[in-house]
Protein backbone atom coordinates (compact mmCIF):
# COMPACT_ATOMS: atom_id res chain seq x y z
CA MET A 1 106.29 117.75 114.00
CA LYS A 2 103.92 114.83 113.54
CA PRO A 3 103.27 113.49 110.04
CA ASP A 4 100.18 114.75 108.21
CA ILE A 5 98.26 111.54 107.58
CA PHE A 6 94.74 110.22 107.80
CA LEU A 7 93.13 106.80 107.95
CA ARG A 8 90.27 105.73 105.72
CA PRO A 9 88.55 102.38 105.34
CA LEU A 10 90.43 100.01 103.07
CA ALA A 11 88.71 99.71 99.66
CA LEU A 12 88.83 97.20 96.83
CA GLU A 13 90.55 99.79 94.62
CA ASP A 14 93.51 99.71 97.03
CA ALA A 15 94.46 96.32 95.60
CA GLU A 16 95.92 98.18 92.59
CA THR A 17 98.63 99.48 94.91
CA SER A 18 98.86 96.81 97.59
CA PHE A 19 99.53 93.92 95.22
CA HIS A 20 102.87 95.55 94.38
CA TRP A 21 103.74 95.66 98.09
CA ARG A 22 102.85 91.99 98.49
CA ASN A 23 105.53 91.14 95.94
CA ASP A 24 108.30 93.07 97.70
CA PRO A 25 110.13 90.85 100.21
CA GLU A 26 111.76 93.91 101.85
CA ILE A 27 108.36 95.03 103.14
CA TRP A 28 107.59 91.64 104.67
CA LYS A 29 110.97 90.71 106.17
CA TYR A 30 109.79 91.27 109.75
CA THR A 31 106.35 89.66 109.37
CA LYS A 32 104.91 86.17 109.31
CA PHE A 33 103.85 86.65 105.68
CA ASN A 34 105.86 84.34 103.43
CA LEU A 35 105.85 85.14 99.75
CA SER A 36 105.39 81.80 98.02
CA GLY A 37 104.94 83.09 94.49
CA GLN A 38 103.96 86.15 92.52
CA ILE A 39 100.78 87.86 93.74
CA THR A 40 98.70 89.17 90.84
CA LEU A 41 96.27 92.07 90.92
CA GLU A 42 93.41 89.59 90.55
CA MET A 43 94.65 87.53 93.51
CA GLU A 44 94.93 90.64 95.67
CA GLN A 45 91.45 91.79 94.65
CA GLU A 46 89.96 88.39 95.54
CA TRP A 47 91.75 88.38 98.89
CA LEU A 48 90.72 91.95 99.68
CA LEU A 49 87.10 91.37 98.67
CA ALA A 50 86.86 88.40 101.03
CA THR A 51 88.73 90.22 103.80
CA LEU A 52 86.55 93.32 103.70
CA LYS A 53 83.50 91.14 104.45
CA GLN A 54 84.93 90.03 107.81
CA GLN A 55 82.80 91.48 110.60
CA ASP A 56 85.50 91.13 113.27
CA GLN A 57 88.07 93.21 111.38
CA LYS A 58 88.60 96.95 111.04
CA ARG A 59 91.04 97.60 108.18
CA TYR A 60 92.27 101.03 107.18
CA ALA A 61 94.47 102.61 104.56
CA ILE A 62 97.13 105.02 105.77
CA CYS A 63 97.14 108.06 103.47
CA LEU A 64 99.11 111.29 103.17
CA LYS A 65 96.94 114.38 103.66
CA ASP A 66 98.70 116.54 101.08
CA THR A 67 98.34 114.10 98.16
CA GLY A 68 95.86 111.50 99.36
CA ALA A 69 98.45 108.85 98.48
CA TYR A 70 97.81 105.41 99.97
CA ILE A 71 101.03 104.33 101.68
CA GLY A 72 100.21 101.49 104.06
CA ASN A 73 97.70 99.50 106.08
CA ILE A 74 96.72 99.43 109.72
CA GLN A 75 94.12 97.17 111.22
CA LEU A 76 92.39 95.67 114.19
CA LEU A 77 91.64 91.97 113.79
CA GLU A 78 89.69 89.56 115.98
CA VAL A 79 87.70 92.50 117.39
CA ASP A 80 85.38 91.08 120.04
CA GLY A 81 84.05 94.13 121.87
CA GLU A 82 86.72 94.07 124.57
CA LYS A 83 90.00 93.42 122.75
CA ALA A 84 91.58 93.19 119.31
CA VAL A 85 94.82 92.27 117.56
CA PHE A 86 96.76 95.16 115.98
CA HIS A 87 98.73 95.09 112.70
CA LEU A 88 100.61 97.84 110.87
CA PHE A 89 102.77 98.14 107.80
CA ILE A 90 103.99 100.96 105.62
CA GLY A 91 104.16 99.70 102.04
CA GLU A 92 105.81 102.76 100.55
CA THR A 93 109.42 102.38 101.63
CA SER A 94 110.10 106.07 100.90
CA CYS A 95 107.82 106.80 103.87
CA TRP A 96 109.78 104.66 106.34
CA GLY A 97 111.46 106.44 109.25
CA LYS A 98 109.28 109.55 109.05
CA GLY A 99 107.08 108.96 112.10
CA ILE A 100 104.10 107.81 110.04
CA GLY A 101 103.84 104.46 111.82
CA LYS A 102 103.78 106.18 115.21
CA GLU A 103 101.06 108.62 114.17
CA ALA A 104 99.00 105.91 112.45
CA THR A 105 99.26 103.81 115.61
CA ARG A 106 97.95 106.72 117.68
CA LEU A 107 95.03 107.27 115.33
CA LEU A 108 94.02 103.61 115.39
CA LEU A 109 94.47 103.25 119.15
CA ASP A 110 92.31 106.35 119.67
CA TYR A 111 89.63 104.68 117.54
CA ALA A 112 90.02 101.32 119.30
CA PHE A 113 89.79 102.68 122.82
CA TYR A 114 87.55 105.74 122.50
CA ASP A 115 85.21 104.86 119.62
CA LEU A 116 85.00 101.07 119.81
CA GLY A 117 85.35 101.01 123.60
CA LEU A 118 87.97 98.26 123.60
CA GLN A 119 89.83 97.62 126.84
CA ARG A 120 92.97 95.95 125.41
CA VAL A 121 94.92 95.74 122.16
CA ASP A 122 97.48 93.00 121.51
CA LEU A 123 100.10 92.53 118.82
CA GLU A 124 103.07 90.43 117.80
CA VAL A 125 106.26 92.05 116.56
CA ASN A 126 109.45 90.53 115.22
CA LYS A 127 112.20 90.85 117.84
CA ASP A 128 114.50 92.32 115.17
CA ASN A 129 112.06 95.07 114.13
CA ILE A 130 113.52 97.72 116.41
CA ALA A 131 111.67 100.61 114.74
CA ALA A 132 108.27 98.98 115.32
CA ILE A 133 109.11 98.04 118.90
CA ARG A 134 110.09 101.68 119.51
CA ILE A 135 106.71 102.85 118.18
CA TYR A 136 104.75 100.40 120.29
CA THR A 137 106.62 101.04 123.53
CA SER A 138 106.31 104.81 123.00
CA TRP A 139 102.53 104.42 123.24
CA GLY A 140 102.73 102.14 126.27
CA PHE A 141 102.69 98.61 124.86
CA THR A 142 104.60 96.17 127.06
CA THR A 143 106.01 92.75 126.25
CA VAL A 144 103.82 90.01 127.70
CA GLY A 145 105.43 86.97 126.10
CA HIS A 146 107.50 85.50 123.31
CA ALA A 147 106.73 83.16 120.43
CA SER A 148 109.73 82.03 118.35
CA SER A 149 111.21 85.22 116.86
CA PHE A 150 108.25 87.39 117.90
CA ASN A 151 107.43 89.35 121.03
CA ARG A 152 103.81 89.45 122.13
CA MET A 153 102.89 92.93 123.34
CA SER A 154 99.76 94.38 124.87
CA ILE A 155 98.31 97.69 125.99
CA SER A 156 95.25 98.50 128.07
CA LYS A 157 93.00 101.49 127.58
CA THR A 158 94.11 102.86 130.95
CA THR A 159 97.81 102.64 130.06
CA TYR A 160 97.25 104.17 126.62
CA THR A 161 95.23 107.06 128.01
CA ARG A 162 97.94 107.84 130.58
CA GLN A 163 100.73 107.56 127.99
CA HIS A 164 98.82 109.64 125.43
CA LEU A 165 98.20 112.40 127.97
CA ASN A 166 101.90 112.42 128.88
CA GLN A 167 102.84 112.89 125.23
CA ILE A 168 100.50 115.80 124.60
CA LEU A 169 101.29 117.69 127.82
């Protein structure tokens, strides 16, 4: 059974939750984000306000349908009409391992390929983040290169469409 989630545009009010996540090194252990000091609510609000103005970014909150709870972020960055860079994280650790990342990835890839008309989505994933790699390969991402401790992965619209059809049949 797939998780009951929805995506909504990220909002400034989300900083009240996300600043807590930014101060939890467990959440960031597989990312390039390096916590260099305490992140305050005001710092997170300033960052989010500036980020939400970026025209080449599509940032969304991952929320649970039953409660509306905001539990993570998913985004497309460097959107240029043909391709984008994908990022995902679940900030609520109690939601890890429940299939939410896989379903959120599907929702965002559907949007990227069918609504935005993108032809390719790229990402980087830490080689040690086995759960994330499993999610990405399940949707058809393939490794196209390596950079230090990260794999570069990519998926085309054609590959995603074929993989998505295989999963629903």
